[in-house]
């Protein structure tokens, strides 16, 4: 199969299906593996009603050694099928995430962040014997220390009202109409909310990237990938879940392509010193530049510095001094006269930025 050609989900054992995939196929892996919760008894509320807990066979392992072997095997395959600049997200709880993190580091992945998903509406601790378990932990790691992984910093900052996105995320658990149900009962016990995957895919993939989910479950990764114009490859062993995901994906409408563009990171833009414009003769020493209201002006010197009264330095430093600010983007603050029109200096810089 040509994995670049189209999105696909597969009904099969993850460890077997992963071995069929060529090396360096995927841009990102999101994995929601069995947590190995080790539940011994049924959980009940104070009124003795039964709690719908995770007691599925797929979450049960004979002992920690068996779980560690399983973890090593699937993580090894995921690393193999990741592109050299790819990355992986793994989600878990206190039951398993530390064991998973140990294996991630031993396999040579490079951990970039651990992210805490604070649940706005967690299940209470009915027995009152522990703190309410109100969060899950995600590990984000690149394939290697040298990987040039994707991180759409500016998009995440915009998503967070122009503040840097932190590593603690307050999001609700999956509920309401988003929860997959059959005959009034949950189809999957650990369905993840689409908001969580929306943030992850927006942050660490680009349009048309190929995303692998080796434990597809209720299909949230594939559903959000389809909405956001990413390609997906999901593996799910349980037939009931697989059928539910097939139907879920049929009902998903992708966001129109025109609305999928994201903000480019500043670090991805070419860094062009103002002095280069002077060296290349694009703007000459002695040229007067001014603010957009032409109330403040400065003169360009031969070394690319500018002078305004007693202030001298770079276009950024002098502008910041005038404004009494710690920093200022001189490219947009300063303007020049181009055939009678007031134009930002940034207009000149565009001549040096490669078109492709």
Protein backbone atom coordinates (compact mmCIF):
# COMPACT_ATOMS: atom_id res chain seq x y z
CA UNK A 1 0.00 0.00 0.00
CA UNK A 2 1.08 3.58 -0.68
CA UNK A 3 0.75 5.14 2.77
CA UNK A 4 0.99 8.63 1.30
CA UNK A 5 -2.03 8.14 -0.93
CA UNK A 6 -5.00 8.22 1.44
CA UNK A 7 -6.28 7.98 4.98
CA UNK A 8 -7.17 4.52 6.25
CA UNK A 9 -8.18 2.57 9.33
CA UNK A 10 -7.34 -1.11 9.86
CA UNK A 11 -9.05 -3.74 11.99
CA UNK A 12 -6.17 -5.76 13.38
CA UNK A 13 -3.61 -6.33 16.13
CA UNK A 14 -1.41 -3.26 16.48
CA UNK A 15 1.86 -5.11 16.98
CA UNK A 16 1.26 -7.18 13.84
CA UNK A 17 -0.01 -4.33 11.67
CA UNK A 18 2.84 -2.00 12.64
CA UNK A 19 5.37 -4.49 11.30
CA UNK A 20 3.79 -4.21 7.84
CA UNK A 21 4.46 -0.48 7.61
CA UNK A 22 7.59 0.81 5.81
CA UNK A 23 10.29 2.70 7.73
CA UNK A 24 9.94 6.49 8.12
CA UNK A 25 6.32 6.74 6.96
CA UNK A 26 4.61 9.03 9.47
CA UNK A 27 5.01 12.66 10.52
CA UNK A 28 3.37 12.12 13.91
CA UNK A 29 2.21 9.32 16.20
CA UNK A 30 -0.50 9.79 18.79
CA UNK A 31 -0.79 6.77 21.07
CA UNK A 32 -3.41 6.09 23.72
CA UNK A 33 -2.24 2.65 24.84
CA UNK A 34 -3.81 0.41 27.49
CA UNK A 35 -3.17 1.99 30.91
CA UNK A 36 -2.93 -1.31 32.80
CA UNK A 37 -5.17 0.09 35.56
CA UNK A 38 -4.89 -3.07 37.69
CA UNK A 39 -8.46 -2.81 39.01
CA UNK A 40 -9.11 -5.63 41.45
CA UNK A 41 -12.72 -5.02 42.45
CA UNK A 42 -15.83 -3.36 41.09
CA UNK A 43 -16.19 0.32 41.95
CA UNK A 44 -19.37 1.63 43.51
CA UNK A 45 -20.80 4.97 44.58
CA UNK A 46 -21.93 5.74 48.17
CA UNK A 47 -25.48 4.71 47.16
CA UNK A 48 -24.00 1.33 46.06
CA UNK A 49 -24.71 1.95 42.39
CA UNK A 50 -22.01 0.56 40.11
CA UNK A 51 -19.41 2.87 38.56
CA UNK A 52 -18.73 2.33 34.86
CA UNK A 53 -14.98 1.76 35.18
CA UNK A 54 -12.33 0.52 32.77
CA UNK A 55 -12.30 -3.25 33.24
CA UNK A 56 -11.91 -4.31 29.60
CA UNK A 57 -9.70 -7.30 28.79
CA UNK A 58 -7.53 -5.20 26.48
CA UNK A 59 -6.41 -3.16 29.52
CA UNK A 60 -5.36 -6.19 31.57
CA UNK A 61 -1.83 -7.59 31.76
CA UNK A 62 -0.48 -10.48 33.79
CA UNK A 63 2.18 -8.35 35.51
CA UNK A 64 4.38 -5.28 35.06
CA UNK A 65 7.01 -7.25 33.15
CA UNK A 66 4.46 -8.26 30.51
CA UNK A 67 3.25 -4.67 30.25
CA UNK A 68 6.80 -3.37 29.89
CA UNK A 69 7.54 -5.88 27.13
CA UNK A 70 4.37 -4.84 25.31
CA UNK A 71 5.32 -1.15 25.69
CA UNK A 72 8.83 -1.70 24.39
CA UNK A 73 7.56 -3.57 21.36
CA UNK A 74 4.97 -1.05 20.17
CA UNK A 75 7.17 1.97 20.91
CA UNK A 76 10.05 0.39 18.97
CA UNK A 77 7.82 -0.07 15.95
CA UNK A 78 6.47 3.47 16.24
CA UNK A 79 9.98 4.87 16.27
CA UNK A 80 10.87 2.84 13.19
CA UNK A 81 7.88 4.12 11.18
CA UNK A 82 8.38 7.76 12.22
CA UNK A 83 10.15 10.07 9.79
CA UNK A 84 13.48 11.40 11.05
CA UNK A 85 11.86 14.75 11.92
CA UNK A 86 8.74 13.11 13.30
CA UNK A 87 7.40 13.14 16.86
CA UNK A 88 5.19 11.10 19.15
CA UNK A 89 2.55 11.85 21.77
CA UNK A 90 1.66 9.24 24.38
CA UNK A 91 -1.10 9.72 26.94
CA UNK A 92 -1.45 7.86 30.21
CA UNK A 93 -2.25 8.00 33.91
CA UNK A 94 -0.16 7.43 37.03
CA UNK A 95 -0.67 3.70 36.49
CA UNK A 96 1.51 3.57 33.38
CA UNK A 97 2.95 6.89 32.21
CA UNK A 98 6.19 6.63 34.21
CA UNK A 99 6.89 3.15 32.86
CA UNK A 100 6.12 4.40 29.34
CA UNK A 101 8.39 7.44 29.81
CA UNK A 102 11.25 5.20 30.93
CA UNK A 103 10.95 3.17 27.74
CA UNK A 104 10.62 6.26 25.55
CA UNK A 105 13.96 7.57 26.82
CA UNK A 106 15.66 4.18 26.61
CA UNK A 107 14.65 3.90 22.95
CA UNK A 108 16.36 7.20 22.11
CA UNK A 109 13.34 9.44 21.70
CA UNK A 110 13.97 13.02 22.90
CA UNK A 111 11.33 14.23 25.36
CA UNK A 112 10.20 17.77 24.55
CA UNK A 113 7.45 18.27 27.13
CA UNK A 114 5.17 16.49 29.49
CA UNK A 115 1.71 18.01 29.35
CA UNK A 116 -0.89 17.80 32.08
CA UNK A 117 -4.48 17.49 30.91
CA UNK A 118 -6.52 18.88 33.79
CA UNK A 119 -10.03 17.52 33.51
CA UNK A 120 -12.68 20.15 34.18
CA UNK A 121 -15.18 17.46 35.19
CA UNK A 122 -13.30 14.41 36.58
CA UNK A 123 -14.92 11.37 38.16
CA UNK A 124 -14.93 11.77 41.97
CA UNK A 125 -13.08 9.46 44.32
CA UNK A 126 -16.18 7.83 45.75
CA UNK A 127 -14.48 6.05 48.64
CA UNK A 128 -12.71 9.18 49.88
CA UNK A 129 -9.45 7.29 50.30
CA UNK A 130 -7.33 9.31 47.84
CA UNK A 131 -7.21 12.63 46.04
CA UNK A 132 -9.64 12.86 43.13
CA UNK A 133 -7.65 11.76 40.09
CA UNK A 134 -8.29 14.87 37.98
CA UNK A 135 -5.60 14.73 35.32
CA UNK A 136 -3.79 12.62 32.76
CA UNK A 137 -0.24 13.09 31.53
CA UNK A 138 0.95 13.33 27.95
CA UNK A 139 4.54 12.91 26.83
CA UNK A 140 5.61 14.71 23.66
CA UNK A 141 8.90 13.51 22.21
CA UNK A 142 10.76 13.86 18.93
CA UNK A 143 12.27 10.84 17.21
CA UNK A 144 15.76 11.97 18.20
CA UNK A 145 17.52 14.90 19.81
CA UNK A 146 18.40 16.24 16.35
CA UNK A 147 14.89 15.98 14.86
CA UNK A 148 13.52 19.20 13.36
CA UNK A 149 10.05 18.53 14.70
CA UNK A 150 6.95 20.59 13.91
CA UNK A 151 5.74 23.06 16.53
CA UNK A 152 3.27 25.71 15.39
CA UNK A 153 4.11 28.09 18.21
CA UNK A 154 2.32 31.14 16.79
CA UNK A 155 -0.90 29.20 16.17
CA UNK A 156 -0.93 27.91 19.75
CA UNK A 157 -0.22 31.40 21.07
CA UNK A 158 -3.12 32.78 19.04
CA UNK A 159 -5.36 29.94 20.24
CA UNK A 160 -4.51 31.05 23.80
CA UNK A 161 -5.38 34.77 23.39
CA UNK A 162 -1.82 35.76 22.45
CA UNK A 163 -0.27 34.13 25.52
CA UNK A 164 2.31 31.35 25.28
CA UNK A 165 0.55 28.01 25.54
CA UNK A 166 1.57 26.35 28.79
CA UNK A 167 1.98 22.67 29.54
CA UNK A 168 -1.14 22.42 31.70
CA UNK A 169 -4.31 22.21 29.63
CA UNK A 170 -7.76 22.63 31.14
CA UNK A 171 -10.18 20.65 29.00
CA UNK A 172 -13.36 18.69 29.79
CA UNK A 173 -13.62 14.94 29.46
CA UNK A 174 -15.59 13.52 26.55
CA UNK A 175 -19.34 13.76 27.19
CA UNK A 176 -22.67 14.77 25.66
CA UNK A 177 -23.30 14.25 21.96
CA UNK A 178 -19.59 13.71 21.29
CA UNK A 179 -19.60 10.47 23.31
CA UNK A 180 -20.19 7.41 21.13
CA UNK A 181 -23.10 5.35 22.48
CA UNK A 182 -25.14 2.31 21.56
CA UNK A 183 -28.48 1.64 23.22
CA UNK A 184 -27.69 4.41 25.69
CA UNK A 185 -24.37 2.88 26.81
CA UNK A 186 -20.86 4.12 26.11
CA UNK A 187 -19.23 2.23 23.25
CA UNK A 188 -15.70 2.92 24.50
CA UNK A 189 -14.70 3.40 28.13
CA UNK A 190 -11.83 5.83 27.55
CA UNK A 191 -12.93 7.99 24.61
CA UNK A 192 -10.75 11.12 24.41
CA UNK A 193 -12.31 14.54 23.74
CA UNK A 194 -11.85 16.06 20.30
CA UNK A 195 -10.61 19.30 21.89
CA UNK A 196 -7.52 17.49 23.16
CA UNK A 197 -6.60 16.09 19.74
CA UNK A 198 -7.44 19.38 18.04
CA UNK A 199 -4.79 21.12 20.13
CA UNK A 200 -2.21 18.38 19.60
CA UNK A 201 -2.64 18.14 15.83
CA UNK A 202 -2.82 21.91 15.42
CA UNK A 203 0.38 22.30 17.43
CA UNK A 204 2.54 19.54 15.99
CA UNK A 205 1.37 18.77 12.45
CA UNK A 206 0.74 20.64 9.23
CA UNK A 207 -1.92 20.24 6.58
CA UNK A 208 -1.61 16.89 4.70
CA UNK A 209 0.80 15.40 7.28
CA UNK A 210 0.30 11.69 7.93
CA UNK A 211 -0.67 10.76 11.50
CA UNK A 212 -0.56 7.26 13.01
CA UNK A 213 -2.74 6.09 15.88
CA UNK A 214 -1.75 2.51 16.77
CA UNK A 215 -4.57 2.15 19.35
CA UNK A 216 -7.40 3.92 17.55
CA UNK A 217 -10.12 3.05 20.07
CA UNK A 218 -13.11 5.32 19.50
CA UNK A 219 -11.34 7.07 16.60
CA UNK A 220 -10.88 10.58 17.98
CA UNK A 221 -7.45 10.97 16.36
CA UNK A 222 -8.77 10.02 12.91
CA UNK A 223 -11.90 12.17 13.33
CA UNK A 224 -9.95 15.31 14.22
CA UNK A 225 -7.29 14.61 11.58
CA UNK A 226 -10.01 14.42 8.95
CA UNK A 227 -11.51 17.72 10.13
CA UNK A 228 -8.12 19.46 10.08
CA UNK A 229 -6.99 18.25 6.66
CA UNK A 230 -4.42 15.76 7.99
CA UNK A 231 -4.13 12.20 6.70
CA UNK A 232 -4.48 9.39 9.19
CA UNK A 233 -3.72 5.71 9.60
CA UNK A 234 -5.46 4.06 12.53
CA UNK A 235 -5.19 0.51 13.88
CA UNK A 236 -7.88 -0.99 16.11
CA UNK A 237 -8.14 -4.61 17.24
CA UNK A 238 -11.66 -4.65 18.71
CA UNK A 239 -14.30 -5.14 15.99
CA UNK A 240 -17.00 -3.23 17.92
CA UNK A 241 -14.82 -0.14 18.21
CA UNK A 242 -13.68 -0.42 14.60
CA UNK A 243 -17.26 -0.46 13.30
CA UNK A 244 -18.15 2.54 15.46
CA UNK A 245 -15.15 4.47 14.09
CA UNK A 246 -16.11 3.66 10.50
CA UNK A 247 -19.51 5.24 11.08
CA UNK A 248 -18.02 8.17 12.99
CA UNK A 249 -15.67 9.01 10.13
CA UNK A 250 -18.48 8.89 7.58
CA UNK A 251 -20.26 11.60 9.54
CA UNK A 252 -17.21 13.90 9.78
CA UNK A 253 -17.14 16.92 7.49
CA UNK A 254 -13.64 18.33 6.88
CA UNK A 255 -13.03 22.03 7.48
CA UNK A 256 -12.84 23.85 4.15
CA UNK A 257 -9.30 24.03 2.83
CA UNK A 258 -9.36 27.85 2.77
CA UNK A 259 -9.70 27.88 6.57
CA UNK A 260 -6.90 25.45 7.39
CA UNK A 261 -3.97 27.84 7.03
CA UNK A 262 -2.14 28.45 10.30
CA UNK A 263 0.11 31.28 11.46
CA UNK A 264 3.73 30.87 10.48
CA UNK A 265 6.32 30.86 13.23
CA UNK A 266 8.61 33.88 13.39
CA UNK A 267 11.59 31.53 13.54
CA UNK A 268 10.54 29.99 10.20
CA UNK A 269 10.85 33.36 8.47
CA UNK A 270 14.25 34.26 7.03
CA UNK A 271 16.25 36.55 9.33
CA UNK A 272 17.39 39.51 7.24
CA UNK A 273 19.46 42.25 8.92
CA UNK A 274 18.53 45.82 8.02
CA UNK A 275 22.21 46.36 7.24
CA UNK A 276 21.89 43.98 4.29
CA UNK A 277 19.55 46.46 2.60
CA UNK A 278 22.20 49.15 3.00
CA UNK A 279 25.02 46.91 1.74
CA UNK A 280 23.02 45.93 -1.34
CA UNK A 281 22.08 49.52 -2.14
CA UNK A 282 18.36 48.88 -1.70
CA UNK A 283 18.26 51.84 0.68
CA UNK A 284 21.04 54.43 0.85
CA UNK A 285 22.86 55.99 3.82
CA UNK A 286 21.43 59.42 4.58
CA UNK A 287 17.86 58.36 3.75
CA UNK A 288 15.31 59.77 6.20
CA UNK A 289 12.86 57.30 7.72
CA UNK A 290 9.91 58.18 9.95
CA UNK A 291 6.97 56.82 11.91
CA UNK A 292 3.59 56.33 10.20
CA UNK A 293 2.46 59.87 11.16
CA UNK A 294 5.75 61.48 10.04
CA UNK A 295 6.16 63.12 13.46
CA UNK A 296 9.40 61.30 14.32
CA UNK A 297 12.28 60.82 11.92
CA UNK A 298 15.71 59.24 11.86
CA UNK A 299 18.63 59.11 9.48
CA UNK A 300 20.21 55.90 8.11
CA UNK A 301 23.99 55.51 8.57
CA UNK A 302 26.45 53.55 6.44
CA UNK A 303 26.62 50.62 8.88
CA UNK A 304 22.85 50.11 8.94
CA UNK A 305 22.38 51.90 12.24
CA UNK A 306 20.02 54.89 12.52
CA UNK A 307 20.18 58.15 14.46
CA UNK A 308 17.30 60.04 16.06
CA UNK A 309 18.37 63.04 18.15
CA UNK A 310 20.61 61.53 20.87
CA UNK A 311 19.49 57.94 20.23
CA UNK A 312 21.42 55.68 17.89
CA UNK A 313 21.46 51.97 17.20
CA UNK A 314 19.45 49.43 15.24
CA UNK A 315 16.02 50.21 13.77
CA UNK A 316 14.53 48.11 16.58
CA UNK A 317 16.53 49.59 19.47
CA UNK A 318 15.91 53.22 18.51
CA UNK A 319 12.18 52.64 17.97
CA UNK A 320 11.95 50.97 21.40
CA UNK A 321 13.79 53.91 23.00
CA UNK A 322 11.36 56.37 21.44
CA UNK A 323 8.36 54.39 22.66
CA UNK A 324 9.86 53.72 26.09
CA UNK A 325 9.38 50.00 25.48
CA UNK A 326 11.62 46.99 26.04
CA UNK A 327 11.40 46.03 22.38
CA UNK A 328 9.84 47.13 19.11
CA UNK A 329 9.67 45.76 15.57
CA UNK A 330 11.55 48.41 13.61
CA UNK A 331 10.50 46.88 10.29
CA UNK A 332 6.91 47.94 10.87
CA UNK A 333 7.53 51.06 13.02
CA UNK A 334 9.75 52.86 10.52
CA UNK A 335 8.50 54.02 7.11
CA UNK A 336 10.04 55.64 4.04
CA UNK A 337 8.85 57.64 1.07
CA UNK A 338 8.38 55.56 -2.07
CA UNK A 339 7.20 57.71 -4.96
CA UNK A 340 5.08 59.83 -2.64
CA UNK A 341 3.63 56.91 -0.70
CA UNK A 342 4.42 56.15 2.94
CA UNK A 343 5.56 52.51 3.04
CA UNK A 344 6.90 50.40 5.97
CA UNK A 345 10.54 49.36 5.80
CA UNK A 346 9.29 45.79 5.77
CA UNK A 347 8.26 46.42 2.17
CA UNK A 348 11.96 46.62 1.26
CA UNK A 349 12.80 43.43 3.12
CA UNK A 350 10.35 41.46 0.97
CA UNK A 351 12.73 41.88 -1.97
CA UNK A 352 15.26 39.66 -0.22
CA UNK A 353 12.87 36.93 0.94
CA UNK A 354 12.86 33.91 -1.42
CA UNK A 355 9.54 33.52 -3.22
CA UNK A 356 9.41 29.79 -2.49
